[in-house]
């Protein structure tokens, strides 16, 4: 069984727990299609900031 050799200070303990309080990711609504997507990412249909940036295979 593992036993710690030195006591972890409250500062180090709290640094380890710093990511426990992360919130939900920021979402954006595409102006042309109304889809919800992650901010600064292309929407699933290929739109970014109201412009079509990825063409479908059918087009």
PDB file of N, CA and C in Angstrom:
ATOM      1  N   UNK A   1       0.845  -1.180   0.000  1.00  0.00           N
ATOM      2  CA  UNK A   1       0.000   0.000   0.000  1.00  0.00           C
ATOM      3  C   UNK A   1       0.890   1.243   0.000  1.00  0.00           C
ATOM      4  N   UNK A   2       0.558   2.229  -0.828  1.00  0.00           N
ATOM      5  CA  UNK A   2       1.365   3.438  -0.938  1.00  0.00           C
ATOM      6  C   UNK A   2       1.092   4.373   0.236  1.00  0.00           C
ATOM      7  N   UNK A   3       2.173   4.944   0.766  1.00  0.00           N
ATOM      8  CA  UNK A   3       2.066   5.894   1.866  1.00  0.00           C
ATOM      9  C   UNK A   3       2.841   7.139   1.467  1.00  0.00           C
ATOM     10  N   UNK A   4       2.221   8.307   1.671  1.00  0.00           N
ATOM     11  CA  UNK A   4       2.909   9.528   1.283  1.00  0.00           C
ATOM     12  C   UNK A   4       4.131   9.763   2.150  1.00  0.00           C
ATOM     13  N   UNK A   5       5.171  10.314   1.563  1.00  0.00           N
ATOM     14  CA  UNK A   5       6.406  10.564   2.301  1.00  0.00           C
ATOM     15  C   UNK A   5       6.370  11.933   2.964  1.00  0.00           C
ATOM     16  N   UNK A   6       5.768  12.922   2.300  1.00  0.00           N
ATOM     17  CA  UNK A   6       5.681  14.270   2.854  1.00  0.00           C
ATOM     18  C   UNK A   6       4.248  14.752   2.763  1.00  0.00           C
ATOM     19  N   UNK A   7       3.880  15.598   3.717  1.00  0.00           N
ATOM     20  CA  UNK A   7       2.536  16.158   3.728  1.00  0.00           C
ATOM     21  C   UNK A   7       2.385  17.164   2.584  1.00  0.00           C
ATOM     22  N   UNK A   8       1.265  17.086   1.873  1.00  0.00           N
ATOM     23  CA  UNK A   8       0.977  18.023   0.786  1.00  0.00           C
ATOM     24  C   UNK A   8       0.387  19.286   1.401  1.00  0.00           C
ATOM     25  N   UNK A   9       0.964  20.426   1.074  1.00  0.00           N
ATOM     26  CA  UNK A   9       0.511  21.695   1.658  1.00  0.00           C
ATOM     27  C   UNK A   9      -0.869  22.067   1.105  1.00  0.00           C
ATOM     28  N   UNK A  10      -1.631  22.886   1.830  1.00  0.00           N
ATOM     29  CA  UNK A  10      -2.942  23.313   1.315  1.00  0.00           C
ATOM     30  C   UNK A  10      -2.850  24.010  -0.034  1.00  0.00           C
ATOM     31  N   UNK A  11      -1.774  24.743  -0.274  1.00  0.00           N
ATOM     32  CA  UNK A  11      -1.611  25.415  -1.563  1.00  0.00           C
ATOM     33  C   UNK A  11      -1.489  24.401  -2.697  1.00  0.00           C
ATOM     34  N   UNK A  12      -0.646  23.383  -2.514  1.00  0.00           N
ATOM     35  CA  UNK A  12      -0.490  22.345  -3.547  1.00  0.00           C
ATOM     36  C   UNK A  12      -1.785  21.562  -3.725  1.00  0.00           C
ATOM     37  N   UNK A  13      -2.473  21.273  -2.635  1.00  0.00           N
ATOM     38  CA  UNK A  13      -3.736  20.531  -2.708  1.00  0.00           C
ATOM     39  C   UNK A  13      -4.751  21.316  -3.532  1.00  0.00           C
ATOM     40  N   UNK A  14      -4.840  22.626  -3.277  1.00  0.00           N
ATOM     41  CA  UNK A  14      -5.819  23.449  -3.991  1.00  0.00           C
ATOM     42  C   UNK A  14      -5.440  23.623  -5.454  1.00  0.00           C
ATOM     43  N   UNK A  15      -4.143  23.643  -5.769  1.00  0.00           N
ATOM     44  CA  UNK A  15      -3.720  23.715  -7.177  1.00  0.00           C
ATOM     45  C   UNK A  15      -4.145  22.467  -7.934  1.00  0.00           C
ATOM     46  N   UNK A  16      -4.081  21.331  -7.278  1.00  0.00           N
ATOM     47  CA  UNK A  16      -4.479  20.083  -7.910  1.00  0.00           C
ATOM     48  C   UNK A  16      -5.983  20.088  -8.195  1.00  0.00           C
ATOM     49  N   UNK A  17      -6.741  20.726  -7.349  1.00  0.00           N
ATOM     50  CA  UNK A  17      -8.196  20.754  -7.487  1.00  0.00           C
ATOM     51  C   UNK A  17      -8.694  21.923  -8.333  1.00  0.00           C
ATOM     52  N   UNK A  18      -7.803  22.649  -8.966  1.00  0.00           N
ATOM     53  CA  UNK A  18      -8.191  23.882  -9.657  1.00  0.00           C
ATOM     54  C   UNK A  18      -9.143  23.636 -10.820  1.00  0.00           C
ATOM     55  N   UNK A  19      -9.100  22.476 -11.451  1.00  0.00           N
ATOM     56  CA  UNK A  19      -9.950  22.206 -12.610  1.00  0.00           C
ATOM     57  C   UNK A  19     -11.295  21.594 -12.227  1.00  0.00           C
ATOM     58  N   UNK A  20     -11.529  21.375 -10.955  1.00  0.00           N
ATOM     59  CA  UNK A  20     -12.801  20.786 -10.538  1.00  0.00           C
ATOM     60  C   UNK A  20     -13.969  21.742 -10.740  1.00  0.00           C
ATOM     61  N   UNK A  21     -13.716  23.028 -10.752  1.00  0.00           N
ATOM     62  CA  UNK A  21     -14.790  24.001 -10.842  1.00  0.00           C
ATOM     63  C   UNK A  21     -15.066  24.497 -12.241  1.00  0.00           C
ATOM     64  N   UNK A  22     -14.636  23.776 -13.268  1.00  0.00           N
ATOM     65  CA  UNK A  22     -14.866  24.222 -14.641  1.00  0.00           C
ATOM     66  C   UNK A  22     -16.355  24.222 -14.955  1.00  0.00           C
ATOM     67  N   UNK A  23     -16.782  25.226 -15.682  1.00  0.00           N
ATOM     68  CA  UNK A  23     -18.190  25.351 -16.042  1.00  0.00           C
ATOM     69  C   UNK A  23     -18.487  24.726 -17.387  1.00  0.00           C
ATOM     70  N   UNK A  24     -19.660  25.034 -17.890  1.00  0.00           N
ATOM     71  CA  UNK A  24     -20.067  24.496 -19.179  1.00  0.00           C
ATOM     72  C   UNK A  24     -19.381  25.287 -20.299  1.00  0.00           C
ATOM     73  N   UNK A  25     -19.138  24.675 -21.450  1.00  0.00           N
ATOM     74  CA  UNK A  25     -18.487  25.392 -22.551  1.00  0.00           C
ATOM     75  C   UNK A  25     -19.403  26.470 -23.128  1.00  0.00           C
ATOM     76  N   UNK A  26     -18.785  27.523 -23.639  1.00  0.00           N
ATOM     77  CA  UNK A  26     -19.542  28.621 -24.231  1.00  0.00           C
ATOM     78  C   UNK A  26     -20.120  28.181 -25.574  1.00  0.00           C
ATOM     79  N   UNK A  27     -21.399  28.401 -25.763  1.00  0.00           N
ATOM     80  CA  UNK A  27     -22.070  28.017 -26.998  1.00  0.00           C
ATOM     81  C   UNK A  27     -22.491  29.263 -27.768  1.00  0.00           C
ATOM     82  N   UNK A  28     -22.599  29.114 -29.077  1.00  0.00           N
ATOM     83  CA  UNK A  28     -23.023  30.202 -29.946  1.00  0.00           C
ATOM     84  C   UNK A  28     -24.134  29.699 -30.858  1.00  0.00           C
ATOM     85  N   UNK A  29     -24.943  30.616 -31.337  1.00  0.00           N
ATOM     86  CA  UNK A  29     -26.024  30.289 -32.275  1.00  0.00           C
ATOM     87  C   UNK A  29     -25.633  30.839 -33.635  1.00  0.00           C
ATOM     88  N   UNK A  30     -25.623  29.972 -34.642  1.00  0.00           N
ATOM     89  CA  UNK A  30     -25.289  30.389 -36.006  1.00  0.00           C
ATOM     90  C   UNK A  30     -26.397  31.291 -36.532  1.00  0.00           C
ATOM     91  N   UNK A  31     -26.014  32.444 -37.078  1.00  0.00           N
ATOM     92  CA  UNK A  31     -27.000  33.436 -37.498  1.00  0.00           C
ATOM     93  C   UNK A  31     -27.812  32.990 -38.711  1.00  0.00           C
ATOM     94  N   UNK A  32     -27.233  32.198 -39.599  1.00  0.00           N
ATOM     95  CA  UNK A  32     -27.962  31.821 -40.818  1.00  0.00           C
ATOM     96  C   UNK A  32     -28.836  30.597 -40.620  1.00  0.00           C
ATOM     97  N   UNK A  33     -28.348  29.594 -39.895  1.00  0.00           N
ATOM     98  CA  UNK A  33     -29.108  28.352 -39.749  1.00  0.00           C
ATOM     99  C   UNK A  33     -29.766  28.208 -38.394  1.00  0.00           C
ATOM    100  N   UNK A  34     -29.328  28.953 -37.386  1.00  0.00           N
ATOM    101  CA  UNK A  34     -29.907  28.843 -36.054  1.00  0.00           C
ATOM    102  C   UNK A  34     -29.372  27.679 -35.246  1.00  0.00           C
ATOM    103  N   UNK A  35     -28.318  27.032 -35.737  1.00  0.00           N
ATOM    104  CA  UNK A  35     -27.749  25.894 -35.022  1.00  0.00           C
ATOM    105  C   UNK A  35     -26.906  26.352 -33.840  1.00  0.00           C
ATOM    106  N   UNK A  36     -26.845  25.515 -32.820  1.00  0.00           N
ATOM    107  CA  UNK A  36     -26.016  25.784 -31.656  1.00  0.00           C
ATOM    108  C   UNK A  36     -24.712  25.020 -31.822  1.00  0.00           C
ATOM    109  N   UNK A  37     -23.578  25.724 -31.628  1.00  0.00           N
ATOM    110  CA  UNK A  37     -22.267  25.079 -31.771  1.00  0.00           C
ATOM    111  C   UNK A  37     -21.296  25.737 -30.811  1.00  0.00           C
ATOM    112  N   UNK A  38     -20.122  25.157 -30.641  1.00  0.00           N
ATOM    113  CA  UNK A  38     -19.092  25.745 -29.810  1.00  0.00           C
ATOM    114  C   UNK A  38     -18.605  27.046 -30.431  1.00  0.00           C
ATOM    115  N   UNK A  39     -18.320  28.033 -29.585  1.00  0.00           N
ATOM    116  CA  UNK A  39     -17.821  29.311 -30.097  1.00  0.00           C
ATOM    117  C   UNK A  39     -16.477  29.104 -30.785  1.00  0.00           C
ATOM    118  N   UNK A  40     -16.225  29.852 -31.834  1.00  0.00           N
ATOM    119  CA  UNK A  40     -14.993  29.803 -32.627  1.00  0.00           C
ATOM    120  C   UNK A  40     -14.784  28.454 -33.314  1.00  0.00           C
ATOM    121  N   UNK A  41     -15.855  27.715 -33.540  1.00  0.00           N
ATOM    122  CA  UNK A  41     -15.795  26.453 -34.279  1.00  0.00           C
ATOM    123  C   UNK A  41     -16.817  26.495 -35.405  1.00  0.00           C
ATOM    124  N   UNK A  42     -16.581  25.719 -36.431  1.00  0.00           N
ATOM    125  CA  UNK A  42     -17.508  25.628 -37.561  1.00  0.00           C
ATOM    126  C   UNK A  42     -18.730  24.823 -37.127  1.00  0.00           C
ATOM    127  N   UNK A  43     -19.909  25.248 -37.554  1.00  0.00           N
ATOM    128  CA  UNK A  43     -21.131  24.521 -37.213  1.00  0.00           C
ATOM    129  C   UNK A  43     -21.176  23.203 -37.993  1.00  0.00           C
ATOM    130  N   UNK A  44     -22.010  22.250 -37.564  1.00  0.00           N
ATOM    131  CA  UNK A  44     -22.071  20.952 -38.251  1.00  0.00           C
ATOM    132  C   UNK A  44     -22.424  21.027 -39.735  1.00  0.00           C
ATOM    133  N   UNK A  45     -23.126  22.083 -40.159  1.00  0.00           N
ATOM    134  CA  UNK A  45     -23.477  22.191 -41.577  1.00  0.00           C
ATOM    135  C   UNK A  45     -22.422  22.933 -42.381  1.00  0.00           C
ATOM    136  N   UNK A  46     -21.332  23.391 -41.732  1.00  0.00           N
ATOM    137  CA  UNK A  46     -20.236  24.018 -42.460  1.00  0.00           C
ATOM    138  C   UNK A  46     -20.258  25.531 -42.484  1.00  0.00           C
ATOM    139  N   UNK A  47     -21.053  26.179 -41.634  1.00  0.00           N
ATOM    140  CA  UNK A  47     -21.114  27.635 -41.590  1.00  0.00           C
ATOM    141  C   UNK A  47     -20.222  28.171 -40.483  1.00  0.00           C
ATOM    142  N   UNK A  48     -19.595  29.325 -40.729  1.00  0.00           N
ATOM    143  CA  UNK A  48     -18.809  30.028 -39.720  1.00  0.00           C
ATOM    144  C   UNK A  48     -19.025  31.517 -39.906  1.00  0.00           C
ATOM    145  N   UNK A  49     -19.540  32.180 -38.888  1.00  0.00           N
ATOM    146  CA  UNK A  49     -19.851  33.612 -38.915  1.00  0.00           C
ATOM    147  C   UNK A  49     -20.751  33.974 -40.093  1.00  0.00           C
ATOM    148  N   UNK A  50     -21.724  33.138 -40.381  1.00  0.00           N
ATOM    149  CA  UNK A  50     -22.704  33.424 -41.425  1.00  0.00           C
ATOM    150  C   UNK A  50     -22.266  33.105 -42.835  1.00  0.00           C
ATOM    151  N   UNK A  51     -21.061  32.560 -43.004  1.00  0.00           N
ATOM    152  CA  UNK A  51     -20.567  32.210 -44.346  1.00  0.00           C
ATOM    153  C   UNK A  51     -20.353  30.710 -44.432  1.00  0.00           C
ATOM    154  N   UNK A  52     -20.611  30.157 -45.610  1.00  0.00           N
ATOM    155  CA  UNK A  52     -20.390  28.733 -45.843  1.00  0.00           C
ATOM    156  C   UNK A  52     -18.897  28.527 -46.108  1.00  0.00           C
ATOM    157  N   UNK A  53     -18.203  27.811 -45.202  1.00  0.00           N
ATOM    158  CA  UNK A  53     -16.756  27.641 -45.337  1.00  0.00           C
ATOM    159  C   UNK A  53     -16.388  26.212 -45.723  1.00  0.00           C
ATOM    160  N   UNK A  54     -17.294  25.252 -45.518  1.00  0.00           N
ATOM    161  CA  UNK A  54     -17.028  23.865 -45.913  1.00  0.00           C
ATOM    162  C   UNK A  54     -18.155  23.438 -46.857  1.00  0.00           C
ATOM    163  N   UNK A  55     -17.776  23.026 -48.054  1.00  0.00           N
ATOM    164  CA  UNK A  55     -18.762  22.616 -49.052  1.00  0.00           C
ATOM    165  C   UNK A  55     -19.144  21.150 -48.847  1.00  0.00           C
ATOM    166  N   UNK A  56     -20.408  20.834 -49.058  1.00  0.00           N
ATOM    167  CA  UNK A  56     -20.873  19.451 -48.998  1.00  0.00           C
ATOM    168  C   UNK A  56     -20.435  18.709 -50.253  1.00  0.00           C
ATOM    169  N   UNK A  57     -20.433  17.382 -50.203  1.00  0.00           N
ATOM    170  CA  UNK A  57     -20.056  16.589 -51.373  1.00  0.00           C
ATOM    171  C   UNK A  57     -21.073  16.720 -52.493  1.00  0.00           C
ATOM    172  N   UNK A  58     -22.339  16.995 -52.127  1.00  0.00           N
ATOM    173  CA  UNK A  58     -23.383  17.117 -53.150  1.00  0.00           C
ATOM    174  C   UNK A  58     -23.293  18.438 -53.902  1.00  0.00           C
ATOM    175  N   UNK A  59     -22.611  19.422 -53.337  1.00  0.00           N
ATOM    176  CA  UNK A  59     -22.533  20.740 -54.000  1.00  0.00           C
ATOM    177  C   UNK A  59     -21.358  20.851 -54.923  1.00  0.00           C
TER     178      UNK A  59
END
